[in-house]
Amino acid sequence: MALHVKPQDTIFNHQILLGGLILTVLDLGFLFLTSFGDPGIIPRNSKPPESPDDDNDVCKSASFDWLSGKPGSLRLPRIKEVKLATGETVQVKFCETCLLYRTPRASHCSICNNCVQKFDHHCPWVGQCIGERNYPFFICFISSTTTLCIYVFACSWVNILRQDCGFWASVSRDAISVILILYCFIVVWFVGGLTVFHFYLISTNQTTYESFRYRYDRKTNPFNKGILNNFRQVFFPRIPPSLVNFRAWAPEEDEGLSVNGSKHNSDVETGVPKLLQKIDFDGFESNSPSISKNHNFKDKPQFDRA
């Protein structure tokens, strides 16, 4: 479009070009904040939590002996109920990978292999999970992308129709505008539909994960605060600080640490398990007379001379 800007133009002047540049910079900026920001990763535990002593926690699992696979080793309920600040009671699940009880609305991403607060979905286009901390930037990203597509689509049409020659002659002369019209027309259906869908989710205070799982079809959504408050919560949020210190040194992991916190009995230096080290191999020769009679391991082999 910059190629067609001329000093005598009244419609397609530098202000129109500046508007497109501003939308492009905003789009790339929101993409950067969405992709390279912490979505709300919950730090995982190195050891499972202590088993509850009381029986007040509501357990929905058929068996408690599920984490380590050994009976009596660790007793933790799969699901327990917690109360929100509003007084509502919700269920939280135990994550076997992160060894923790997830916060309400959190879920474990199988691609990133992390539990994420208010998990929405994993977006392959931005290469990042969409969670509590980067969801506002994601909404601004897809909204600005939709606006940019509509802006370029409209300006390309005006650029063709404003020419003095006929319509088909203008189309044949301005191939760049035709390509932009076709490209924006195709893209706006995808990104525009995604924007409309997320605006619906915001109005009902749902996540994509909850919507696809039909979480609130048969029960009331305890997080719904009304349309205005739901939009205010997304577009004017108080983004919580990150729970992960990405500049901290990673602790050394114990290779012998199992799921239930015990260590495997193995000798790393010799490579021989301790169970085999306790066996007296010298006693096999004295306790096996048949072997000692037929085979003399201490004697050297004799060879006949020619």
C-alpha atoms as a PDB file:
ATOM      1  CA  MET A   1       0.000   0.000   0.000  1.00  0.00           C
ATOM      2  CA  ALA A   2       2.962   2.293   0.628  1.00  0.00           C
ATOM      3  CA  LEU A   3       3.854   2.004  -3.054  1.00  0.00           C
ATOM      4  CA  HIS A   4       0.610   3.743  -4.035  1.00  0.00           C
ATOM      5  CA  VAL A   5       0.921   6.674  -1.638  1.00  0.00           C
ATOM      6  CA  LYS A   6       1.377   9.915  -3.524  1.00  0.00           C
ATOM      7  CA  PRO A   7       1.590  13.508  -2.268  1.00  0.00           C
ATOM      8  CA  GLN A   8      -1.574  14.514  -4.127  1.00  0.00           C
ATOM      9  CA  ASP A   9      -3.676  11.684  -2.678  1.00  0.00           C
ATOM     10  CA  THR A  10      -6.526  12.780  -0.404  1.00  0.00           C
ATOM     11  CA  ILE A  11      -7.770   9.409   0.826  1.00  0.00           C
ATOM     12  CA  PHE A  12      -4.715   7.159   0.802  1.00  0.00           C
ATOM     13  CA  ASN A  13      -2.287   9.542   2.412  1.00  0.00           C
ATOM     14  CA  HIS A  14       0.299   9.024   5.088  1.00  0.00           C
ATOM     15  CA  GLN A  15      -2.314   8.938   7.854  1.00  0.00           C
ATOM     16  CA  ILE A  16      -3.864   5.771   6.444  1.00  0.00           C
ATOM     17  CA  LEU A  17      -0.438   4.185   6.180  1.00  0.00           C
ATOM     18  CA  LEU A  18       0.336   5.241   9.746  1.00  0.00           C
ATOM     19  CA  GLY A  19      -2.851   3.546  10.965  1.00  0.00           C
ATOM     20  CA  GLY A  20      -1.810   0.268   9.371  1.00  0.00           C
ATOM     21  CA  LEU A  21       1.656   0.528  10.912  1.00  0.00           C
ATOM     22  CA  ILE A  22       0.203   1.162  14.377  1.00  0.00           C
ATOM     23  CA  LEU A  23      -2.065  -1.887  14.125  1.00  0.00           C
ATOM     24  CA  THR A  24       0.856  -4.014  12.930  1.00  0.00           C
ATOM     25  CA  VAL A  25       3.091  -2.908  15.804  1.00  0.00           C
ATOM     26  CA  LEU A  26       0.310  -3.555  18.331  1.00  0.00           C
ATOM     27  CA  ASP A  27      -0.338  -6.979  16.834  1.00  0.00           C
ATOM     28  CA  LEU A  28       3.325  -7.990  17.024  1.00  0.00           C
ATOM     29  CA  GLY A  29       3.652  -6.545  20.527  1.00  0.00           C
ATOM     30  CA  PHE A  30       0.707  -8.539  21.896  1.00  0.00           C
ATOM     31  CA  LEU A  31       2.077 -11.633  20.142  1.00  0.00           C
ATOM     32  CA  PHE A  32       5.415 -11.134  21.902  1.00  0.00           C
ATOM     33  CA  LEU A  33       3.762 -10.705  25.307  1.00  0.00           C
ATOM     34  CA  THR A  34       1.628 -13.799  24.766  1.00  0.00           C
ATOM     35  CA  SER A  35       4.414 -16.064  23.548  1.00  0.00           C
ATOM     36  CA  PHE A  36       7.274 -15.091  25.842  1.00  0.00           C
ATOM     37  CA  GLY A  37       5.360 -14.454  29.063  1.00  0.00           C
ATOM     38  CA  ASP A  38       4.681 -16.861  31.903  1.00  0.00           C
ATOM     39  CA  PRO A  39       1.129 -18.185  31.431  1.00  0.00           C
ATOM     40  CA  GLY A  40       0.848 -18.999  35.138  1.00  0.00           C
ATOM     41  CA  ILE A  41       2.969 -22.105  35.647  1.00  0.00           C
ATOM     42  CA  ILE A  42       2.598 -23.724  39.060  1.00  0.00           C
ATOM     43  CA  PRO A  43       5.975 -24.939  40.401  1.00  0.00           C
ATOM     44  CA  ARG A  44       5.995 -28.679  40.854  1.00  0.00           C
ATOM     45  CA  ASN A  45       6.974 -30.434  44.051  1.00  0.00           C
ATOM     46  CA  SER A  46       9.950 -32.760  44.378  1.00  0.00           C
ATOM     47  CA  LYS A  47       8.054 -34.848  46.937  1.00  0.00           C
ATOM     48  CA  PRO A  48       4.340 -35.602  47.305  1.00  0.00           C
ATOM     49  CA  PRO A  49       2.482 -33.763  50.085  1.00  0.00           C
ATOM     50  CA  GLU A  50       1.878 -35.318  53.443  1.00  0.00           C
ATOM     51  CA  SER A  51      -1.148 -37.585  53.689  1.00  0.00           C
ATOM     52  CA  PRO A  52      -4.035 -36.019  55.612  1.00  0.00           C
ATOM     53  CA  ASP A  53      -4.504 -37.267  59.162  1.00  0.00           C
ATOM     54  CA  ASP A  54      -8.169 -36.405  59.382  1.00  0.00           C
ATOM     55  CA  ASP A  55     -10.979 -37.770  57.299  1.00  0.00           C
ATOM     56  CA  ASN A  56     -12.693 -34.434  56.635  1.00  0.00           C
ATOM     57  CA  ASP A  57     -11.440 -34.236  53.047  1.00  0.00           C
ATOM     58  CA  VAL A  58     -13.992 -35.546  50.605  1.00  0.00           C
ATOM     59  CA  CYS A  59     -12.501 -38.259  48.435  1.00  0.00           C
ATOM     60  CA  LYS A  60     -14.095 -39.276  45.171  1.00  0.00           C
ATOM     61  CA  SER A  61     -11.580 -42.016  44.363  1.00  0.00           C
ATOM     62  CA  ALA A  62     -12.375 -45.686  44.717  1.00  0.00           C
ATOM     63  CA  SER A  63      -8.941 -46.367  46.223  1.00  0.00           C
ATOM     64  CA  PHE A  64      -6.411 -44.304  48.124  1.00  0.00           C
ATOM     65  CA  ASP A  65      -3.393 -46.459  47.225  1.00  0.00           C
ATOM     66  CA  TRP A  66      -2.947 -45.081  43.736  1.00  0.00           C
ATOM     67  CA  LEU A  67       0.089 -42.823  43.654  1.00  0.00           C
ATOM     68  CA  SER A  68       2.956 -45.257  44.194  1.00  0.00           C
ATOM     69  CA  GLY A  69       1.180 -48.434  43.168  1.00  0.00           C
ATOM     70  CA  LYS A  70       2.019 -50.113  46.498  1.00  0.00           C
ATOM     71  CA  PRO A  71      -0.593 -50.691  49.210  1.00  0.00           C
ATOM     72  CA  GLY A  72      -0.062 -48.693  52.359  1.00  0.00           C
ATOM     73  CA  SER A  73       2.834 -46.600  51.004  1.00  0.00           C
ATOM     74  CA  LEU A  74       0.990 -43.321  50.462  1.00  0.00           C
ATOM     75  CA  ARG A  75      -2.632 -42.381  50.945  1.00  0.00           C
ATOM     76  CA  LEU A  76      -3.826 -39.320  49.065  1.00  0.00           C
ATOM     77  CA  PRO A  77      -7.285 -38.664  47.634  1.00  0.00           C
ATOM     78  CA  ARG A  78      -7.453 -38.021  43.915  1.00  0.00           C
ATOM     79  CA  ILE A  79     -10.069 -35.294  44.329  1.00  0.00           C
ATOM     80  CA  LYS A  80     -10.845 -33.089  47.290  1.00  0.00           C
ATOM     81  CA  GLU A  81     -13.144 -30.125  47.846  1.00  0.00           C
ATOM     82  CA  VAL A  82     -12.028 -26.596  48.708  1.00  0.00           C
ATOM     83  CA  LYS A  83     -13.968 -23.433  49.459  1.00  0.00           C
ATOM     84  CA  LEU A  84     -13.586 -20.250  47.445  1.00  0.00           C
ATOM     85  CA  ALA A  85     -13.575 -16.735  48.859  1.00  0.00           C
ATOM     86  CA  THR A  86     -17.212 -16.402  47.783  1.00  0.00           C
ATOM     87  CA  GLY A  87     -18.198 -19.448  49.859  1.00  0.00           C
ATOM     88  CA  GLU A  88     -18.663 -21.739  46.863  1.00  0.00           C
ATOM     89  CA  THR A  89     -17.233 -25.261  47.064  1.00  0.00           C
ATOM     90  CA  VAL A  90     -15.277 -26.616  44.093  1.00  0.00           C
ATOM     91  CA  GLN A  91     -13.281 -29.767  43.476  1.00  0.00           C
ATOM     92  CA  VAL A  92      -9.537 -29.821  42.853  1.00  0.00           C
ATOM     93  CA  LYS A  93      -7.518 -32.742  41.502  1.00  0.00           C
ATOM     94  CA  PHE A  94      -4.132 -34.119  42.431  1.00  0.00           C
ATOM     95  CA  CYS A  95      -1.534 -34.002  39.640  1.00  0.00           C
ATOM     96  CA  GLU A  96       0.592 -37.135  39.497  1.00  0.00           C
ATOM     97  CA  THR A  97       3.309 -35.396  37.465  1.00  0.00           C
ATOM     98  CA  CYS A  98       3.693 -32.202  39.509  1.00  0.00           C
ATOM     99  CA  LEU A  99       2.868 -33.942  42.831  1.00  0.00           C
ATOM    100  CA  LEU A 100       0.484 -31.235  44.018  1.00  0.00           C
ATOM    101  CA  TYR A 101      -3.174 -30.376  44.306  1.00  0.00           C
ATOM    102  CA  ARG A 102      -4.063 -28.013  41.481  1.00  0.00           C
ATOM    103  CA  THR A 103      -5.628 -24.671  42.206  1.00  0.00           C
ATOM    104  CA  PRO A 104      -9.250 -24.154  41.052  1.00  0.00           C
ATOM    105  CA  ARG A 105      -9.525 -23.906  37.236  1.00  0.00           C
ATOM    106  CA  ALA A 106      -5.926 -25.087  36.807  1.00  0.00           C
ATOM    107  CA  SER A 107      -5.028 -28.010  34.568  1.00  0.00           C
ATOM    108  CA  HIS A 108      -1.950 -29.896  33.408  1.00  0.00           C
ATOM    109  CA  CYS A 109      -0.802 -29.218  29.840  1.00  0.00           C
ATOM    110  CA  SER A 110       0.393 -32.390  28.167  1.00  0.00           C
ATOM    111  CA  ILE A 111       2.532 -30.439  25.686  1.00  0.00           C
ATOM    112  CA  CYS A 112       4.313 -28.081  28.090  1.00  0.00           C
ATOM    113  CA  ASN A 113       4.189 -30.709  30.885  1.00  0.00           C
ATOM    114  CA  ASN A 114       3.249 -28.081  33.487  1.00  0.00           C
ATOM    115  CA  CYS A 115       0.224 -27.240  35.585  1.00  0.00           C
ATOM    116  CA  VAL A 116      -1.089 -23.810  34.539  1.00  0.00           C
ATOM    117  CA  GLN A 117      -3.373 -21.519  36.529  1.00  0.00           C
ATOM    118  CA  LYS A 118      -6.753 -20.926  34.881  1.00  0.00           C
ATOM    119  CA  PHE A 119      -5.675 -23.085  31.950  1.00  0.00           C
ATOM    120  CA  ASP A 120      -7.472 -22.100  28.738  1.00  0.00           C
ATOM    121  CA  HIS A 121      -5.696 -24.065  26.002  1.00  0.00           C
ATOM    122  CA  HIS A 122      -2.326 -24.633  24.380  1.00  0.00           C
ATOM    123  CA  CYS A 123      -2.049 -22.474  21.271  1.00  0.00           C
ATOM    124  CA  PRO A 124       0.268 -23.994  18.632  1.00  0.00           C
ATOM    125  CA  TRP A 125       0.299 -20.728  16.645  1.00  0.00           C
ATOM    126  CA  VAL A 126       2.004 -18.794  19.453  1.00  0.00           C
ATOM    127  CA  GLY A 127       3.818 -21.836  20.858  1.00  0.00           C
ATOM    128  CA  GLN A 128       2.636 -21.224  24.411  1.00  0.00           C
ATOM    129  CA  CYS A 129      -0.020 -22.184  26.901  1.00  0.00           C
ATOM    130  CA  ILE A 130      -2.789 -19.649  27.449  1.00  0.00           C
ATOM    131  CA  GLY A 131      -3.437 -19.193  31.136  1.00  0.00           C
ATOM    132  CA  GLU A 132      -4.231 -16.641  33.793  1.00  0.00           C
ATOM    133  CA  ARG A 133      -1.215 -14.390  33.261  1.00  0.00           C
ATOM    134  CA  ASN A 134      -1.186 -14.122  29.437  1.00  0.00           C
ATOM    135  CA  TYR A 135      -4.878 -14.533  28.558  1.00  0.00           C
ATOM    136  CA  PRO A 136      -5.508 -10.735  28.400  1.00  0.00           C
ATOM    137  CA  PHE A 137      -2.607 -10.359  25.955  1.00  0.00           C
ATOM    138  CA  PHE A 138      -3.928 -13.270  23.895  1.00  0.00           C
ATOM    139  CA  ILE A 139      -7.354 -11.620  23.615  1.00  0.00           C
ATOM    140  CA  CYS A 140      -5.727  -8.353  22.541  1.00  0.00           C
ATOM    141  CA  PHE A 141      -3.588 -10.255  20.027  1.00  0.00           C
ATOM    142  CA  ILE A 142      -6.446 -11.986  18.225  1.00  0.00           C
ATOM    143  CA  SER A 143      -8.599  -8.823  18.422  1.00  0.00           C
ATOM    144  CA  SER A 144      -5.877  -6.661  16.888  1.00  0.00           C
ATOM    145  CA  THR A 145      -5.252  -9.317  14.226  1.00  0.00           C
ATOM    146  CA  THR A 146      -8.943  -9.305  13.291  1.00  0.00           C
ATOM    147  CA  THR A 147      -8.986  -5.503  13.217  1.00  0.00           C
ATOM    148  CA  LEU A 148      -5.870  -5.430  11.037  1.00  0.00           C
ATOM    149  CA  CYS A 149      -7.396  -7.892   8.558  1.00  0.00           C
ATOM    150  CA  ILE A 150     -10.589  -5.829   8.280  1.00  0.00           C
ATOM    151  CA  TYR A 151      -8.559  -2.635   7.945  1.00  0.00           C
ATOM    152  CA  VAL A 152      -6.385  -3.983   5.115  1.00  0.00           C
ATOM    153  CA  PHE A 153      -9.409  -5.587   3.432  1.00  0.00           C
ATOM    154  CA  ALA A 154     -11.340  -2.293   3.401  1.00  0.00           C
ATOM    155  CA  CYS A 155      -8.379  -0.172   2.312  1.00  0.00           C
ATOM    156  CA  SER A 156      -7.593  -2.560  -0.536  1.00  0.00           C
ATOM    157  CA  TRP A 157     -11.144  -2.325  -1.833  1.00  0.00           C
ATOM    158  CA  VAL A 158     -11.082   1.465  -1.659  1.00  0.00           C
ATOM    159  CA  ASN A 159      -7.745   1.458  -3.437  1.00  0.00           C
ATOM    160  CA  ILE A 160      -9.332  -0.427  -6.357  1.00  0.00           C
ATOM    161  CA  LEU A 161     -12.625   1.445  -6.506  1.00  0.00           C
ATOM    162  CA  ARG A 162     -11.071   4.905  -6.342  1.00  0.00           C
ATOM    163  CA  GLN A 163      -9.273   4.512  -9.659  1.00  0.00           C
ATOM    164  CA  ASP A 164     -10.714   6.321 -12.700  1.00  0.00           C
ATOM    165  CA  CYS A 165     -10.643   3.342 -15.067  1.00  0.00           C
ATOM    166  CA  GLY A 166     -13.168   0.509 -15.017  1.00  0.00           C
ATOM    167  CA  PHE A 167     -13.441  -2.128 -12.329  1.00  0.00           C
ATOM    168  CA  TRP A 168     -11.792  -4.993 -14.246  1.00  0.00           C
ATOM    169  CA  ALA A 169      -9.096  -2.699 -15.525  1.00  0.00           C
ATOM    170  CA  SER A 170      -8.342  -1.619 -11.941  1.00  0.00           C
ATOM    171  CA  VAL A 171      -8.215  -5.256 -10.844  1.00  0.00           C
ATOM    172  CA  SER A 172      -5.812  -6.156 -13.617  1.00  0.00           C
ATOM    173  CA  ARG A 173      -3.551  -3.199 -12.809  1.00  0.00           C
ATOM    174  CA  ASP A 174      -3.499  -3.561  -9.011  1.00  0.00           C
ATOM    175  CA  ALA A 175      -2.635  -7.201  -8.345  1.00  0.00           C
ATOM    176  CA  ILE A 176      -1.309  -6.465  -4.823  1.00  0.00           C
ATOM    177  CA  SER A 177      -4.684  -5.192  -3.640  1.00  0.00           C
ATOM    178  CA  VAL A 178      -6.426  -8.243  -5.089  1.00  0.00           C
ATOM    179  CA  ILE A 179      -4.038 -10.597  -3.275  1.00  0.00           C
ATOM    180  CA  LEU A 180      -4.555  -8.718  -0.003  1.00  0.00           C
ATOM    181  CA  ILE A 181      -8.326  -8.869  -0.410  1.00  0.00           C
ATOM    182  CA  LEU A 182      -8.296 -12.625  -0.953  1.00  0.00           C
ATOM    183  CA  TYR A 183      -5.816 -13.241   1.866  1.00  0.00           C
ATOM    184  CA  CYS A 184      -7.655 -11.109   4.418  1.00  0.00           C
ATOM    185  CA  PHE A 185     -11.011 -12.587   3.411  1.00  0.00           C
ATOM    186  CA  ILE A 186      -9.747 -16.107   4.162  1.00  0.00           C
ATOM    187  CA  VAL A 187      -7.861 -15.265   7.354  1.00  0.00           C
ATOM    188  CA  VAL A 188     -10.600 -13.164   8.921  1.00  0.00           C
ATOM    189  CA  TRP A 189     -12.951 -16.155   9.059  1.00  0.00           C
ATOM    190  CA  PHE A 190     -10.522 -18.068  11.270  1.00  0.00           C
ATOM    191  CA  VAL A 191      -9.162 -15.354  13.509  1.00  0.00           C
ATOM    192  CA  GLY A 192     -12.461 -13.468  13.550  1.00  0.00           C
ATOM    193  CA  GLY A 193     -14.391 -16.576  14.510  1.00  0.00           C
ATOM    194  CA  LEU A 194     -11.847 -17.288  17.231  1.00  0.00           C
ATOM    195  CA  THR A 195     -12.257 -13.745  18.553  1.00  0.00           C
ATOM    196  CA  VAL A 196     -16.049 -13.996  18.646  1.00  0.00           C
ATOM    197  CA  PHE A 197     -15.839 -17.374  20.415  1.00  0.00           C
ATOM    198  CA  HIS A 198     -13.521 -16.001  23.105  1.00  0.00           C
ATOM    199  CA  PHE A 199     -15.736 -12.973  23.605  1.00  0.00           C
ATOM    200  CA  TYR A 200     -18.560 -15.423  24.301  1.00  0.00           C
ATOM    201  CA  LEU A 201     -16.332 -17.262  26.790  1.00  0.00           C
ATOM    202  CA  ILE A 202     -15.474 -13.984  28.498  1.00  0.00           C
ATOM    203  CA  SER A 203     -19.142 -13.025  28.825  1.00  0.00           C
ATOM    204  CA  THR A 204     -19.874 -16.336  30.569  1.00  0.00           C
ATOM    205  CA  ASN A 205     -16.508 -16.458  32.437  1.00  0.00           C
ATOM    206  CA  GLN A 206     -15.464 -19.799  31.018  1.00  0.00           C
ATOM    207  CA  THR A 207     -12.223 -21.140  29.632  1.00  0.00           C
ATOM    208  CA  THR A 208     -11.865 -23.088  26.411  1.00  0.00           C
ATOM    209  CA  TYR A 209     -10.982 -26.183  28.430  1.00  0.00           C
ATOM    210  CA  GLU A 210     -14.113 -25.845  30.568  1.00  0.00           C
ATOM    211  CA  SER A 211     -16.325 -25.135  27.564  1.00  0.00           C
ATOM    212  CA  PHE A 212     -15.182 -28.214  25.657  1.00  0.00           C
ATOM    213  CA  ARG A 213     -15.632 -30.358  28.758  1.00  0.00           C
ATOM    214  CA  TYR A 214     -19.176 -29.048  29.338  1.00  0.00           C
ATOM    215  CA  ARG A 215     -18.295 -28.159  32.920  1.00  0.00           C
ATOM    216  CA  TYR A 216     -21.201 -25.782  33.562  1.00  0.00           C
ATOM    217  CA  ASP A 217     -23.964 -27.213  31.393  1.00  0.00           C
ATOM    218  CA  ARG A 218     -25.717 -28.919  34.285  1.00  0.00           C
ATOM    219  CA  LYS A 219     -24.554 -26.740  37.176  1.00  0.00           C
ATOM    220  CA  THR A 220     -24.068 -23.076  37.960  1.00  0.00           C
ATOM    221  CA  ASN A 221     -20.732 -21.479  37.158  1.00  0.00           C
ATOM    222  CA  PRO A 222     -19.361 -20.243  40.505  1.00  0.00           C
ATOM    223  CA  PHE A 223     -16.925 -17.866  38.741  1.00  0.00           C
ATOM    224  CA  ASN A 224     -19.542 -15.984  36.691  1.00  0.00           C
ATOM    225  CA  LYS A 225     -19.824 -12.395  37.986  1.00  0.00           C
ATOM    226  CA  GLY A 226     -22.005 -10.923  35.259  1.00  0.00           C
ATOM    227  CA  ILE A 227     -21.111  -9.730  31.767  1.00  0.00           C
ATOM    228  CA  LEU A 228     -19.654  -6.349  32.743  1.00  0.00           C
ATOM    229  CA  ASN A 229     -17.609  -7.694  35.629  1.00  0.00           C
ATOM    230  CA  ASN A 230     -16.396 -10.598  33.508  1.00  0.00           C
ATOM    231  CA  PHE A 231     -15.102  -8.250  30.810  1.00  0.00           C
ATOM    232  CA  ARG A 232     -13.577  -5.968  33.433  1.00  0.00           C
ATOM    233  CA  GLN A 233     -11.780  -8.964  34.945  1.00  0.00           C
ATOM    234  CA  VAL A 234     -10.143  -9.799  31.595  1.00  0.00           C
ATOM    235  CA  PHE A 235      -9.366  -6.378  30.112  1.00  0.00           C
ATOM    236  CA  PHE A 236      -8.491  -4.594  33.374  1.00  0.00           C
ATOM    237  CA  PRO A 237      -6.903  -7.416  35.347  1.00  0.00           C
ATOM    238  CA  ARG A 238      -4.492  -7.504  38.227  1.00  0.00           C
ATOM    239  CA  ILE A 239      -1.987  -9.918  36.796  1.00  0.00           C
ATOM    240  CA  PRO A 240      -0.516 -11.967  39.651  1.00  0.00           C
ATOM    241  CA  PRO A 241       3.257 -12.272  39.926  1.00  0.00           C
ATOM    242  CA  SER A 242       4.948 -15.291  38.454  1.00  0.00           C
ATOM    243  CA  LEU A 243       5.380 -18.256  40.794  1.00  0.00           C
ATOM    244  CA  VAL A 244       8.464 -19.493  38.963  1.00  0.00           C
ATOM    245  CA  ASN A 245      11.881 -17.866  39.280  1.00  0.00           C
ATOM    246  CA  PHE A 246      13.310 -18.534  35.835  1.00  0.00           C
ATOM    247  CA  ARG A 247      16.699 -17.078  36.809  1.00  0.00           C
ATOM    248  CA  ALA A 248      17.189 -19.375  39.773  1.00  0.00           C
ATOM    249  CA  TRP A 249      19.626 -22.272  39.642  1.00  0.00           C
ATOM    250  CA  ALA A 250      17.971 -25.617  39.005  1.00  0.00           C
ATOM    251  CA  PRO A 251      18.436 -28.037  41.931  1.00  0.00           C
ATOM    252  CA  GLU A 252      20.209 -31.293  41.332  1.00  0.00           C
ATOM    253  CA  GLU A 253      17.737 -34.106  41.007  1.00  0.00           C
ATOM    254  CA  ASP A 254      18.286 -37.339  42.889  1.00  0.00           C
ATOM    255  CA  GLU A 255      18.303 -40.189  40.390  1.00  0.00           C
ATOM    256  CA  GLY A 256      17.365 -42.684  43.046  1.00  0.00           C
ATOM    257  CA  LEU A 257      14.298 -40.784  44.228  1.00  0.00           C
ATOM    258  CA  SER A 258      11.072 -42.608  43.577  1.00  0.00           C
ATOM    259  CA  VAL A 259       7.526 -41.297  43.508  1.00  0.00           C
ATOM    260  CA  ASN A 260       6.850 -41.964  47.193  1.00  0.00           C
ATOM    261  CA  GLY A 261      10.072 -40.266  48.309  1.00  0.00           C
ATOM    262  CA  SER A 262      12.154 -43.413  48.929  1.00  0.00           C
ATOM    263  CA  LYS A 263      15.491 -44.143  47.272  1.00  0.00           C
ATOM    264  CA  HIS A 264      16.292 -47.152  45.174  1.00  0.00           C
ATOM    265  CA  ASN A 265      18.898 -49.535  46.665  1.00  0.00           C
ATOM    266  CA  SER A 266      21.670 -49.498  44.126  1.00  0.00           C
ATOM    267  CA  ASP A 267      25.418 -48.967  44.220  1.00  0.00           C
ATOM    268  CA  VAL A 268      26.246 -46.223  41.732  1.00  0.00           C
ATOM    269  CA  GLU A 269      30.009 -46.582  42.030  1.00  0.00           C
ATOM    270  CA  THR A 270      30.282 -50.320  41.316  1.00  0.00           C
ATOM    271  CA  GLY A 271      27.112 -50.692  39.299  1.00  0.00           C
ATOM    272  CA  VAL A 272      26.188 -53.867  41.271  1.00  0.00           C
ATOM    273  CA  PRO A 273      22.944 -53.879  43.244  1.00  0.00           C
ATOM    274  CA  LYS A 274      23.301 -54.302  46.979  1.00  0.00           C
ATOM    275  CA  LEU A 275      21.129 -57.414  46.882  1.00  0.00           C
ATOM    276  CA  LEU A 276      23.736 -59.187  44.755  1.00  0.00           C
ATOM    277  CA  GLN A 277      26.609 -57.854  46.848  1.00  0.00           C
ATOM    278  CA  LYS A 278      25.344 -59.763  49.896  1.00  0.00           C
ATOM    279  CA  ILE A 279      25.614 -63.131  48.121  1.00  0.00           C
ATOM    280  CA  ASP A 280      28.713 -65.199  48.987  1.00  0.00           C
ATOM    281  CA  PHE A 281      29.960 -66.348  45.616  1.00  0.00           C
ATOM    282  CA  ASP A 282      33.024 -68.049  47.168  1.00  0.00           C
ATOM    283  CA  GLY A 283      30.823 -70.603  48.848  1.00  0.00           C
ATOM    284  CA  PHE A 284      29.555 -71.995  45.561  1.00  0.00           C
ATOM    285  CA  GLU A 285      32.851 -73.808  44.894  1.00  0.00           C
ATOM    286  CA  SER A 286      33.052 -75.467  48.307  1.00  0.00           C
ATOM    287  CA  ASN A 287      29.365 -76.327  48.498  1.00  0.00           C
ATOM    288  CA  SER A 288      29.277 -77.948  45.040  1.00  0.00           C
ATOM    289  CA  PRO A 289      31.384 -81.168  45.123  1.00  0.00           C
ATOM    290  CA  SER A 290      30.337 -82.280  41.660  1.00  0.00           C
ATOM    291  CA  ILE A 291      31.593 -79.072  40.160  1.00  0.00           C
ATOM    292  CA  SER A 292      34.861 -79.165  42.068  1.00  0.00           C
ATOM    293  CA  LYS A 293      35.594 -82.760  41.016  1.00  0.00           C
ATOM    294  CA  ASN A 294      34.953 -82.392  37.351  1.00  0.00           C
ATOM    295  CA  HIS A 295      36.347 -78.879  36.876  1.00  0.00           C
ATOM    296  CA  ASN A 296      39.455 -77.535  38.460  1.00  0.00           C
ATOM    297  CA  PHE A 297      39.383 -73.815  37.883  1.00  0.00           C
ATOM    298  CA  LYS A 298      42.678 -73.139  39.630  1.00  0.00           C
ATOM    299  CA  ASP A 299      44.787 -75.467  37.471  1.00  0.00           C
ATOM    300  CA  LYS A 300      46.203 -74.142  34.275  1.00  0.00           C
ATOM    301  CA  PRO A 301      45.353 -76.028  31.067  1.00  0.00           C
ATOM    302  CA  GLN A 302      47.969 -78.541  29.841  1.00  0.00           C
ATOM    303  CA  PHE A 303      48.877 -78.789  26.180  1.00  0.00           C
ATOM    304  CA  ASP A 304      50.619 -81.771  24.495  1.00  0.00           C
ATOM    305  CA  ARG A 305      53.928 -81.108  22.845  1.00  0.00           C
ATOM    306  CA  ALA A 306      54.592 -82.418  19.445  1.00  0.00           C
END
